[in-house]
Amino acid sequence: MAGCDPAGNGSALAGLGDQRNIELLVEGGFSLPQAIQIATLNGAKFLGLDNRIGSIATGKQADLVVLEGNPVREIADIEKVTVVFKDGVGFDSAKLIQSVHGHVGMN
């Protein structure tokens, strides 16, 4: 499993910290598919929720991101999120980040 543990000091932001965890897993020798499974499905299995979340399949809940680039070729592209889908609604990533600027994290 992998995940960030925001401690309230602004140094580990949910989402951004998770992206960095995936990068570190790949830098440590895991393939990108393995790193994504570690960060998603493994945690769902541990929680006993893998029948509902953790992977993409018909009938499962899924929040998704659309990336610019190809993280298989360049892992840093995992940080190039253009759209975030939450509960079936697409949100512009840049607008989301701007909307919390000065309120969340270390600026």
PDB file of N, CA and C in Angstrom:
ATOM      1  N   MET A   1       0.847  -1.170   0.000  1.00  0.00           N
ATOM      2  CA  MET A   1       0.000   0.000   0.000  1.00  0.00           C
ATOM      3  C   MET A   1       0.891   1.231   0.000  1.00  0.00           C
ATOM      4  N   ALA A   2       0.322   2.319  -0.416  1.00  0.00           N
ATOM      5  CA  ALA A   2       1.012   3.603  -0.389  1.00  0.00           C
ATOM      6  C   ALA A   2      -0.019   4.675  -0.119  1.00  0.00           C
ATOM      7  N   GLY A   3       0.432   5.755   0.417  1.00  0.00           N
ATOM      8  CA  GLY A   3      -0.448   6.889   0.650  1.00  0.00           C
ATOM      9  C   GLY A   3       0.288   7.949   1.427  1.00  0.00           C
ATOM     10  N   CYS A   4      -0.142   9.167   1.249  1.00  0.00           N
ATOM     11  CA  CYS A   4       0.482  10.231   2.024  1.00  0.00           C
ATOM     12  C   CYS A   4      -0.278  10.390   3.331  1.00  0.00           C
ATOM     13  N   ASP A   5       0.365  10.930   4.303  1.00  0.00           N
ATOM     14  CA  ASP A   5      -0.230  11.080   5.625  1.00  0.00           C
ATOM     15  C   ASP A   5      -0.179  12.553   6.006  1.00  0.00           C
ATOM     16  N   PRO A   6      -1.121  13.361   5.488  1.00  0.00           N
ATOM     17  CA  PRO A   6      -1.104  14.783   5.828  1.00  0.00           C
ATOM     18  C   PRO A   6      -1.193  14.974   7.342  1.00  0.00           C
ATOM     19  N   ALA A   7      -0.216  15.672   7.875  1.00  0.00           N
ATOM     20  CA  ALA A   7      -0.140  15.863   9.321  1.00  0.00           C
ATOM     21  C   ALA A   7      -0.636  17.239   9.752  1.00  0.00           C
ATOM     22  N   GLY A   8      -1.165  18.007   8.810  1.00  0.00           N
ATOM     23  CA  GLY A   8      -1.675  19.325   9.161  1.00  0.00           C
ATOM     24  C   GLY A   8      -0.663  20.439   9.011  1.00  0.00           C
ATOM     25  N   ASN A   9       0.602  20.086   8.717  1.00  0.00           N
ATOM     26  CA  ASN A   9       1.606  21.133   8.573  1.00  0.00           C
ATOM     27  C   ASN A   9       1.758  21.605   7.136  1.00  0.00           C
ATOM     28  N   GLY A  10       0.956  21.059   6.216  1.00  0.00           N
ATOM     29  CA  GLY A  10       0.966  21.523   4.827  1.00  0.00           C
ATOM     30  C   GLY A  10       2.031  20.894   3.960  1.00  0.00           C
ATOM     31  N   SER A  11       2.812  19.960   4.474  1.00  0.00           N
ATOM     32  CA  SER A  11       3.908  19.407   3.680  1.00  0.00           C
ATOM     33  C   SER A  11       3.496  18.202   2.841  1.00  0.00           C
ATOM     34  N   ALA A  12       2.348  17.618   3.088  1.00  0.00           N
ATOM     35  CA  ALA A  12       1.887  16.470   2.308  1.00  0.00           C
ATOM     36  C   ALA A  12       0.426  16.683   1.940  1.00  0.00           C
ATOM     37  N   LEU A  13       0.192  17.154   0.738  1.00  0.00           N
ATOM     38  CA  LEU A  13      -1.170  17.414   0.291  1.00  0.00           C
ATOM     39  C   LEU A  13      -1.755  16.183  -0.371  1.00  0.00           C
ATOM     40  N   ALA A  14      -2.949  15.831   0.030  1.00  0.00           N
ATOM     41  CA  ALA A  14      -3.638  14.707  -0.605  1.00  0.00           C
ATOM     42  C   ALA A  14      -3.687  14.945  -2.111  1.00  0.00           C
ATOM     43  N   GLY A  15      -3.508  13.902  -2.869  1.00  0.00           N
ATOM     44  CA  GLY A  15      -3.468  14.025  -4.327  1.00  0.00           C
ATOM     45  C   GLY A  15      -2.058  14.286  -4.788  1.00  0.00           C
ATOM     46  N   LEU A  16      -1.496  15.431  -4.436  1.00  0.00           N
ATOM     47  CA  LEU A  16      -0.130  15.740  -4.835  1.00  0.00           C
ATOM     48  C   LEU A  16       0.852  14.799  -4.143  1.00  0.00           C
ATOM     49  N   GLY A  17       0.616  14.509  -2.884  1.00  0.00           N
ATOM     50  CA  GLY A  17       1.465  13.561  -2.170  1.00  0.00           C
ATOM     51  C   GLY A  17       1.348  12.164  -2.746  1.00  0.00           C
ATOM     52  N   ASP A  18       0.143  11.811  -3.180  1.00  0.00           N
ATOM     53  CA  ASP A  18      -0.057  10.494  -3.793  1.00  0.00           C
ATOM     54  C   ASP A  18       0.684  10.395  -5.125  1.00  0.00           C
ATOM     55  N   GLN A  19       0.677  11.464  -5.893  1.00  0.00           N
ATOM     56  CA  GLN A  19       1.435  11.468  -7.150  1.00  0.00           C
ATOM     57  C   GLN A  19       2.916  11.230  -6.867  1.00  0.00           C
ATOM     58  N   ARG A  20       3.432  11.912  -5.867  1.00  0.00           N
ATOM     59  CA  ARG A  20       4.844  11.759  -5.536  1.00  0.00           C
ATOM     60  C   ARG A  20       5.150  10.343  -5.069  1.00  0.00           C
ATOM     61  N   ASN A  21       4.235   9.736  -4.323  1.00  0.00           N
ATOM     62  CA  ASN A  21       4.434   8.345  -3.913  1.00  0.00           C
ATOM     63  C   ASN A  21       4.574   7.428  -5.115  1.00  0.00           C
ATOM     64  N   ILE A  22       3.743   7.618  -6.129  1.00  0.00           N
ATOM     65  CA  ILE A  22       3.828   6.788  -7.337  1.00  0.00           C
ATOM     66  C   ILE A  22       5.162   7.018  -8.032  1.00  0.00           C
ATOM     67  N   GLU A  23       5.594   8.274  -8.114  1.00  0.00           N
ATOM     68  CA  GLU A  23       6.903   8.564  -8.709  1.00  0.00           C
ATOM     69  C   GLU A  23       8.016   7.841  -7.960  1.00  0.00           C
ATOM     70  N   LEU A  24       7.972   7.893  -6.631  1.00  0.00           N
ATOM     71  CA  LEU A  24       9.007   7.243  -5.821  1.00  0.00           C
ATOM     72  C   LEU A  24       9.002   5.729  -5.999  1.00  0.00           C
ATOM     73  N   LEU A  25       7.822   5.136  -6.115  1.00  0.00           N
ATOM     74  CA  LEU A  25       7.747   3.702  -6.358  1.00  0.00           C
ATOM     75  C   LEU A  25       8.393   3.334  -7.688  1.00  0.00           C
ATOM     76  N   VAL A  26       8.122   4.134  -8.732  1.00  0.00           N
ATOM     77  CA  VAL A  26       8.727   3.882 -10.046  1.00  0.00           C
ATOM     78  C   VAL A  26      10.235   4.107  -9.970  1.00  0.00           C
ATOM     79  N   GLU A  27      10.655   5.182  -9.323  1.00  0.00           N
ATOM     80  CA  GLU A  27      12.092   5.435  -9.172  1.00  0.00           C
ATOM     81  C   GLU A  27      12.769   4.311  -8.388  1.00  0.00           C
ATOM     82  N   GLY A  28      12.008   3.653  -7.508  1.00  0.00           N
ATOM     83  CA  GLY A  28      12.542   2.548  -6.715  1.00  0.00           C
ATOM     84  C   GLY A  28      12.560   1.216  -7.449  1.00  0.00           C
ATOM     85  N   GLY A  29      12.019   1.165  -8.680  1.00  0.00           N
ATOM     86  CA  GLY A  29      12.125  -0.051  -9.477  1.00  0.00           C
ATOM     87  C   GLY A  29      10.820  -0.718  -9.848  1.00  0.00           C
ATOM     88  N   PHE A  30       9.693  -0.250  -9.308  1.00  0.00           N
ATOM     89  CA  PHE A  30       8.404  -0.820  -9.716  1.00  0.00           C
ATOM     90  C   PHE A  30       8.027  -0.275 -11.084  1.00  0.00           C
ATOM     91  N   SER A  31       7.298  -1.070 -11.865  1.00  0.00           N
ATOM     92  CA  SER A  31       6.756  -0.557 -13.125  1.00  0.00           C
ATOM     93  C   SER A  31       5.623   0.408 -12.788  1.00  0.00           C
ATOM     94  N   LEU A  32       5.243   1.239 -13.754  1.00  0.00           N
ATOM     95  CA  LEU A  32       4.140   2.165 -13.510  1.00  0.00           C
ATOM     96  C   LEU A  32       2.846   1.417 -13.171  1.00  0.00           C
ATOM     97  N   PRO A  33       2.469   0.359 -13.910  1.00  0.00           N
ATOM     98  CA  PRO A  33       1.258  -0.370 -13.510  1.00  0.00           C
ATOM     99  C   PRO A  33       1.347  -0.935 -12.087  1.00  0.00           C
ATOM    100  N   GLN A  34       2.503  -1.440 -11.698  1.00  0.00           N
ATOM    101  CA  GLN A  34       2.666  -1.939 -10.326  1.00  0.00           C
ATOM    102  C   GLN A  34       2.503  -0.803  -9.316  1.00  0.00           C
ATOM    103  N   ALA A  35       3.118   0.339  -9.593  1.00  0.00           N
ATOM    104  CA  ALA A  35       3.042   1.481  -8.674  1.00  0.00           C
ATOM    105  C   ALA A  35       1.605   1.972  -8.524  1.00  0.00           C
ATOM    106  N   ILE A  36       0.869   2.022  -9.617  1.00  0.00           N
ATOM    107  CA  ILE A  36      -0.532   2.450  -9.559  1.00  0.00           C
ATOM    108  C   ILE A  36      -1.355   1.452  -8.751  1.00  0.00           C
ATOM    109  N   GLN A  37      -1.112   0.157  -8.944  1.00  0.00           N
ATOM    110  CA  GLN A  37      -1.845  -0.853  -8.168  1.00  0.00           C
ATOM    111  C   GLN A  37      -1.514  -0.718  -6.684  1.00  0.00           C
ATOM    112  N   ILE A  38      -0.266  -0.489  -6.352  1.00  0.00           N
ATOM    113  CA  ILE A  38       0.121  -0.314  -4.952  1.00  0.00           C
ATOM    114  C   ILE A  38      -0.633   0.867  -4.343  1.00  0.00           C
ATOM    115  N   ALA A  39      -0.775   1.948  -5.118  1.00  0.00           N
ATOM    116  CA  ALA A  39      -1.398   3.174  -4.611  1.00  0.00           C
ATOM    117  C   ALA A  39      -2.925   3.143  -4.642  1.00  0.00           C
ATOM    118  N   THR A  40      -3.510   2.163  -5.316  1.00  0.00           N
ATOM    119  CA  THR A  40      -4.974   2.163  -5.453  1.00  0.00           C
ATOM    120  C   THR A  40      -5.586   0.848  -4.987  1.00  0.00           C
ATOM    121  N   LEU A  41      -5.419  -0.197  -5.761  1.00  0.00           N
ATOM    122  CA  LEU A  41      -6.088  -1.473  -5.493  1.00  0.00           C
ATOM    123  C   LEU A  41      -5.605  -2.131  -4.201  1.00  0.00           C
ATOM    124  N   ASN A  42      -4.319  -2.041  -3.904  1.00  0.00           N
ATOM    125  CA  ASN A  42      -3.823  -2.704  -2.692  1.00  0.00           C
ATOM    126  C   ASN A  42      -4.483  -2.147  -1.434  1.00  0.00           C
ATOM    127  N   GLY A  43      -4.647  -0.839  -1.357  1.00  0.00           N
ATOM    128  CA  GLY A  43      -5.307  -0.234  -0.207  1.00  0.00           C
ATOM    129  C   GLY A  43      -6.772  -0.636  -0.121  1.00  0.00           C
ATOM    130  N   ALA A  44      -7.436  -0.696  -1.280  1.00  0.00           N
ATOM    131  CA  ALA A  44      -8.843  -1.120  -1.301  1.00  0.00           C
ATOM    132  C   ALA A  44      -8.968  -2.561  -0.827  1.00  0.00           C
ATOM    133  N   LYS A  45      -8.031  -3.430  -1.242  1.00  0.00           N
ATOM    134  CA  LYS A  45      -8.054  -4.826  -0.787  1.00  0.00           C
ATOM    135  C   LYS A  45      -7.863  -4.883   0.726  1.00  0.00           C
ATOM    136  N   PHE A  46      -6.913  -4.131   1.236  1.00  0.00           N
ATOM    137  CA  PHE A  46      -6.648  -4.123   2.672  1.00  0.00           C
ATOM    138  C   PHE A  46      -7.892  -3.720   3.461  1.00  0.00           C
ATOM    139  N   LEU A  47      -8.636  -2.752   2.928  1.00  0.00           N
ATOM    140  CA  LEU A  47      -9.847  -2.270   3.586  1.00  0.00           C
ATOM    141  C   LEU A  47     -11.069  -3.146   3.317  1.00  0.00           C
ATOM    142  N   GLY A  48     -10.905  -4.138   2.460  1.00  0.00           N
ATOM    143  CA  GLY A  48     -12.036  -4.995   2.104  1.00  0.00           C
ATOM    144  C   GLY A  48     -13.039  -4.310   1.203  1.00  0.00           C
ATOM    145  N   LEU A  49     -12.584  -3.308   0.467  1.00  0.00           N
ATOM    146  CA  LEU A  49     -13.482  -2.535  -0.401  1.00  0.00           C
ATOM    147  C   LEU A  49     -13.183  -2.722  -1.885  1.00  0.00           C
ATOM    148  N   ASP A  50     -12.319  -3.678  -2.220  1.00  0.00           N
ATOM    149  CA  ASP A  50     -11.901  -3.835  -3.603  1.00  0.00           C
ATOM    150  C   ASP A  50     -13.021  -4.278  -4.538  1.00  0.00           C
ATOM    151  N   ASN A  51     -14.155  -4.690  -3.998  1.00  0.00           N
ATOM    152  CA  ASN A  51     -15.302  -4.993  -4.854  1.00  0.00           C
ATOM    153  C   ASN A  51     -16.006  -3.713  -5.299  1.00  0.00           C
ATOM    154  N   ARG A  52     -15.690  -2.573  -4.671  1.00  0.00           N
ATOM    155  CA  ARG A  52     -16.331  -1.292  -5.003  1.00  0.00           C
ATOM    156  C   ARG A  52     -15.362  -0.252  -5.551  1.00  0.00           C
ATOM    157  N   ILE A  53     -14.121  -0.254  -5.061  1.00  0.00           N
ATOM    158  CA  ILE A  53     -13.147   0.791  -5.429  1.00  0.00           C
ATOM    159  C   ILE A  53     -11.768   0.168  -5.654  1.00  0.00           C
ATOM    160  N   GLY A  54     -10.842   0.977  -6.137  1.00  0.00           N
ATOM    161  CA  GLY A  54      -9.449   0.552  -6.244  1.00  0.00           C
ATOM    162  C   GLY A  54      -9.003   0.170  -7.628  1.00  0.00           C
ATOM    163  N   SER A  55      -9.938  -0.081  -8.521  1.00  0.00           N
ATOM    164  CA  SER A  55      -9.603  -0.398  -9.912  1.00  0.00           C
ATOM    165  C   SER A  55     -10.786   0.027 -10.782  1.00  0.00           C
ATOM    166  N   ILE A  56     -10.557   0.026 -12.068  1.00  0.00           N
ATOM    167  CA  ILE A  56     -11.589   0.448 -13.007  1.00  0.00           C
ATOM    168  C   ILE A  56     -12.289  -0.792 -13.551  1.00  0.00           C
ATOM    169  N   ALA A  57     -13.592  -0.891 -13.310  1.00  0.00           N
ATOM    170  CA  ALA A  57     -14.397  -1.996 -13.819  1.00  0.00           C
ATOM    171  C   ALA A  57     -15.859  -1.570 -13.802  1.00  0.00           C
ATOM    172  N   THR A  58     -16.646  -2.191 -14.658  1.00  0.00           N
ATOM    173  CA  THR A  58     -18.068  -1.904 -14.715  1.00  0.00           C
ATOM    174  C   THR A  58     -18.698  -2.090 -13.342  1.00  0.00           C
ATOM    175  N   GLY A  59     -19.464  -1.088 -12.917  1.00  0.00           N
ATOM    176  CA  GLY A  59     -20.171  -1.155 -11.648  1.00  0.00           C
ATOM    177  C   GLY A  59     -19.397  -0.640 -10.450  1.00  0.00           C
ATOM    178  N   LYS A  60     -18.106  -0.337 -10.634  1.00  0.00           N
ATOM    179  CA  LYS A  60     -17.307   0.185  -9.523  1.00  0.00           C
ATOM    180  C   LYS A  60     -17.351   1.711  -9.509  1.00  0.00           C
ATOM    181  N   GLN A  61     -17.136   2.272  -8.318  1.00  0.00           N
ATOM    182  CA  GLN A  61     -16.981   3.718  -8.184  1.00  0.00           C
ATOM    183  C   GLN A  61     -15.571   4.063  -8.656  1.00  0.00           C
ATOM    184  N   ALA A  62     -15.424   5.173  -9.369  1.00  0.00           N
ATOM    185  CA  ALA A  62     -14.090   5.543  -9.838  1.00  0.00           C
ATOM    186  C   ALA A  62     -13.992   7.054  -9.996  1.00  0.00           C
ATOM    187  N   ASP A  63     -13.016   7.632  -9.336  1.00  0.00           N
ATOM    188  CA  ASP A  63     -12.620   9.008  -9.589  1.00  0.00           C
ATOM    189  C   ASP A  63     -11.353   8.905 -10.425  1.00  0.00           C
ATOM    190  N   LEU A  64     -11.292   9.658 -11.509  1.00  0.00           N
ATOM    191  CA  LEU A  64     -10.201   9.527 -12.471  1.00  0.00           C
ATOM    192  C   LEU A  64      -9.538  10.864 -12.747  1.00  0.00           C
ATOM    193  N   VAL A  65      -8.335  10.803 -13.293  1.00  0.00           N
ATOM    194  CA  VAL A  65      -7.645  12.007 -13.748  1.00  0.00           C
ATOM    195  C   VAL A  65      -7.248  11.820 -15.201  1.00  0.00           C
ATOM    196  N   VAL A  66      -7.214  12.927 -15.938  1.00  0.00           N
ATOM    197  CA  VAL A  66      -6.705  12.950 -17.302  1.00  0.00           C
ATOM    198  C   VAL A  66      -5.373  13.676 -17.253  1.00  0.00           C
ATOM    199  N   LEU A  67      -4.348  13.039 -17.815  1.00  0.00           N
ATOM    200  CA  LEU A  67      -2.996  13.595 -17.785  1.00  0.00           C
ATOM    201  C   LEU A  67      -2.578  14.093 -19.157  1.00  0.00           C
ATOM    202  N   GLU A  68      -1.719  15.084 -19.159  1.00  0.00           N
ATOM    203  CA  GLU A  68      -1.053  15.518 -20.389  1.00  0.00           C
ATOM    204  C   GLU A  68       0.292  14.819 -20.401  1.00  0.00           C
ATOM    205  N   GLY A  69       0.548  14.040 -21.418  1.00  0.00           N
ATOM    206  CA  GLY A  69       1.806  13.312 -21.480  1.00  0.00           C
ATOM    207  C   GLY A  69       1.585  11.831 -21.268  1.00  0.00           C
ATOM    208  N   ASN A  70       2.679  11.130 -21.011  1.00  0.00           N
ATOM    209  CA  ASN A  70       2.638   9.687 -20.866  1.00  0.00           C
ATOM    210  C   ASN A  70       3.572   9.268 -19.735  1.00  0.00           C
ATOM    211  N   PRO A  71       3.038   9.008 -18.555  1.00  0.00           N
ATOM    212  CA  PRO A  71       3.901   8.656 -17.428  1.00  0.00           C
ATOM    213  C   PRO A  71       4.655   7.337 -17.605  1.00  0.00           C
ATOM    214  N   VAL A  72       4.257   6.498 -18.561  1.00  0.00           N
ATOM    215  CA  VAL A  72       5.034   5.288 -18.839  1.00  0.00           C
ATOM    216  C   VAL A  72       6.396   5.671 -19.400  1.00  0.00           C
ATOM    217  N   ARG A  73       6.417   6.695 -20.245  1.00  0.00           N
ATOM    218  CA  ARG A  73       7.687   7.164 -20.821  1.00  0.00           C
ATOM    219  C   ARG A  73       8.418   8.115 -19.881  1.00  0.00           C
ATOM    220  N   GLU A  74       7.649   8.999 -19.217  1.00  0.00           N
ATOM    221  CA  GLU A  74       8.237  10.015 -18.335  1.00  0.00           C
ATOM    222  C   GLU A  74       7.379  10.106 -17.083  1.00  0.00           C
ATOM    223  N   ILE A  75       7.850   9.506 -15.988  1.00  0.00           N
ATOM    224  CA  ILE A  75       7.044   9.416 -14.769  1.00  0.00           C
ATOM    225  C   ILE A  75       6.614  10.790 -14.265  1.00  0.00           C
ATOM    226  N   ALA A  76       7.388  11.832 -14.496  1.00  0.00           N
ATOM    227  CA  ALA A  76       7.015  13.180 -14.046  1.00  0.00           C
ATOM    228  C   ALA A  76       5.714  13.659 -14.681  1.00  0.00           C
ATOM    229  N   ASP A  77       5.313  13.046 -15.809  1.00  0.00           N
ATOM    230  CA  ASP A  77       4.048  13.422 -16.450  1.00  0.00           C
ATOM    231  C   ASP A  77       2.840  13.114 -15.566  1.00  0.00           C
ATOM    232  N   ILE A  78       3.026  12.309 -14.531  1.00  0.00           N
ATOM    233  CA  ILE A  78       1.919  12.019 -13.613  1.00  0.00           C
ATOM    234  C   ILE A  78       1.461  13.284 -12.889  1.00  0.00           C
ATOM    235  N   GLU A  79       2.309  14.296 -12.881  1.00  0.00           N
ATOM    236  CA  GLU A  79       1.974  15.576 -12.242  1.00  0.00           C
ATOM    237  C   GLU A  79       1.234  16.522 -13.178  1.00  0.00           C
ATOM    238  N   LYS A  80       1.085  16.160 -14.443  1.00  0.00           N
ATOM    239  CA  LYS A  80       0.462  17.037 -15.435  1.00  0.00           C
ATOM    240  C   LYS A  80      -1.028  16.729 -15.577  1.00  0.00           C
ATOM    241  N   VAL A  81      -1.752  16.914 -14.493  1.00  0.00           N
ATOM    242  CA  VAL A  81      -3.196  16.630 -14.471  1.00  0.00           C
ATOM    243  C   VAL A  81      -3.936  17.791 -15.122  1.00  0.00           C
ATOM    244  N   THR A  82      -4.788  17.478 -16.089  1.00  0.00           N
ATOM    245  CA  THR A  82      -5.563  18.523 -16.752  1.00  0.00           C
ATOM    246  C   THR A  82      -7.018  18.527 -16.291  1.00  0.00           C
ATOM    247  N   VAL A  83      -7.585  17.335 -16.062  1.00  0.00           N
ATOM    248  CA  VAL A  83      -8.972  17.221 -15.628  1.00  0.00           C
ATOM    249  C   VAL A  83      -9.059  16.165 -14.524  1.00  0.00           C
ATOM    250  N   VAL A  84      -9.855  16.465 -13.511  1.00  0.00           N
ATOM    251  CA  VAL A  84     -10.128  15.520 -12.430  1.00  0.00           C
ATOM    252  C   VAL A  84     -11.609  15.175 -12.487  1.00  0.00           C
ATOM    253  N   PHE A  85     -11.925  13.890 -12.551  1.00  0.00           N
ATOM    254  CA  PHE A  85     -13.316  13.445 -12.523  1.00  0.00           C
ATOM    255  C   PHE A  85     -13.632  12.920 -11.134  1.00  0.00           C
ATOM    256  N   LYS A  86     -14.602  13.544 -10.489  1.00  0.00           N
ATOM    257  CA  LYS A  86     -15.062  13.160  -9.152  1.00  0.00           C
ATOM    258  C   LYS A  86     -16.568  12.982  -9.227  1.00  0.00           C
ATOM    259  N   ASP A  87     -17.044  11.801  -8.880  1.00  0.00           N
ATOM    260  CA  ASP A  87     -18.473  11.491  -8.936  1.00  0.00           C
ATOM    261  C   ASP A  87     -19.075  11.805 -10.302  1.00  0.00           C
ATOM    262  N   GLY A  88     -18.301  11.532 -11.355  1.00  0.00           N
ATOM    263  CA  GLY A  88     -18.796  11.706 -12.710  1.00  0.00           C
ATOM    264  C   GLY A  88     -18.740  13.121 -13.257  1.00  0.00           C
ATOM    265  N   VAL A  89     -18.222  14.066 -12.482  1.00  0.00           N
ATOM    266  CA  VAL A  89     -18.141  15.461 -12.921  1.00  0.00           C
ATOM    267  C   VAL A  89     -16.679  15.812 -13.156  1.00  0.00           C
ATOM    268  N   GLY A  90     -16.383  16.429 -14.300  1.00  0.00           N
ATOM    269  CA  GLY A  90     -15.023  16.830 -14.624  1.00  0.00           C
ATOM    270  C   GLY A  90     -14.710  18.221 -14.098  1.00  0.00           C
ATOM    271  N   PHE A  91     -13.519  18.359 -13.497  1.00  0.00           N
ATOM    272  CA  PHE A  91     -13.061  19.636 -12.952  1.00  0.00           C
ATOM    273  C   PHE A  91     -11.708  19.990 -13.554  1.00  0.00           C
ATOM    274  N   ASP A  92     -11.546  21.249 -13.920  1.00  0.00           N
ATOM    275  CA  ASP A  92     -10.283  21.756 -14.453  1.00  0.00           C
ATOM    276  C   ASP A  92      -9.250  21.791 -13.330  1.00  0.00           C
ATOM    277  N   SER A  93      -8.155  21.070 -13.501  1.00  0.00           N
ATOM    278  CA  SER A  93      -7.141  20.951 -12.460  1.00  0.00           C
ATOM    279  C   SER A  93      -6.520  22.295 -12.090  1.00  0.00           C
ATOM    280  N   ALA A  94      -6.176  23.090 -13.085  1.00  0.00           N
ATOM    281  CA  ALA A  94      -5.546  24.395 -12.808  1.00  0.00           C
ATOM    282  C   ALA A  94      -6.494  25.296 -12.005  1.00  0.00           C
ATOM    283  N   LYS A  95      -7.771  25.272 -12.333  1.00  0.00           N
ATOM    284  CA  LYS A  95      -8.745  26.083 -11.596  1.00  0.00           C
ATOM    285  C   LYS A  95      -8.914  25.582 -10.166  1.00  0.00           C
ATOM    286  N   LEU A  96      -8.874  24.261  -9.965  1.00  0.00           N
ATOM    287  CA  LEU A  96      -8.958  23.715  -8.610  1.00  0.00           C
ATOM    288  C   LEU A  96      -7.783  24.189  -7.756  1.00  0.00           C
ATOM    289  N   ILE A  97      -6.589  24.094  -8.306  1.00  0.00           N
ATOM    290  CA  ILE A  97      -5.392  24.514  -7.563  1.00  0.00           C
ATOM    291  C   ILE A  97      -5.454  25.998  -7.260  1.00  0.00           C
ATOM    292  N   GLN A  98      -5.838  26.798  -8.248  1.00  0.00           N
ATOM    293  CA  GLN A  98      -5.939  28.242  -8.031  1.00  0.00           C
ATOM    294  C   GLN A  98      -6.983  28.583  -6.966  1.00  0.00           C
ATOM    295  N   SER A  99      -8.063  27.827  -6.908  1.00  0.00           N
ATOM    296  CA  SER A  99      -9.142  28.127  -5.966  1.00  0.00           C
ATOM    297  C   SER A  99      -8.725  27.933  -4.511  1.00  0.00           C
ATOM    298  N   VAL A 100      -7.680  27.161  -4.252  1.00  0.00           N
ATOM    299  CA  VAL A 100      -7.233  26.929  -2.875  1.00  0.00           C
ATOM    300  C   VAL A 100      -5.896  27.618  -2.585  1.00  0.00           C
ATOM    301  N   HIS A 101      -5.371  28.350  -3.569  1.00  0.00           N
ATOM    302  CA  HIS A 101      -4.081  29.028  -3.389  1.00  0.00           C
ATOM    303  C   HIS A 101      -4.158  29.972  -2.193  1.00  0.00           C
ATOM    304  N   GLY A 102      -3.195  29.839  -1.299  1.00  0.00           N
ATOM    305  CA  GLY A 102      -3.166  30.668  -0.096  1.00  0.00           C
ATOM    306  C   GLY A 102      -3.956  30.114   1.064  1.00  0.00           C
ATOM    307  N   HIS A 103      -4.736  29.043   0.808  1.00  0.00           N
ATOM    308  CA  HIS A 103      -5.558  28.441   1.856  1.00  0.00           C
ATOM    309  C   HIS A 103      -5.088  27.040   2.253  1.00  0.00           C
ATOM    310  N   VAL A 104      -4.433  26.352   1.322  1.00  0.00           N
ATOM    311  CA  VAL A 104      -4.029  24.972   1.544  1.00  0.00           C
ATOM    312  C   VAL A 104      -2.566  24.832   1.170  1.00  0.00           C
ATOM    313  N   GLY A 105      -1.818  24.091   1.976  1.00  0.00           N
ATOM    314  CA  GLY A 105      -0.426  23.796   1.655  1.00  0.00           C
ATOM    315  C   GLY A 105       0.512  24.934   1.954  1.00  0.00           C
ATOM    316  N   MET A 106       1.715  24.741   1.489  1.00  0.00           N
ATOM    317  CA  MET A 106       2.762  25.740   1.722  1.00  0.00           C
ATOM    318  C   MET A 106       2.896  26.605   0.473  1.00  0.00           C
ATOM    319  N   ASN A 107       2.622  27.870   0.573  1.00  0.00           N
ATOM    320  CA  ASN A 107       2.664  28.775  -0.597  1.00  0.00           C
ATOM    321  C   ASN A 107       3.871  29.669  -0.554  1.00  0.00           C
TER     322      ASN A 107
END
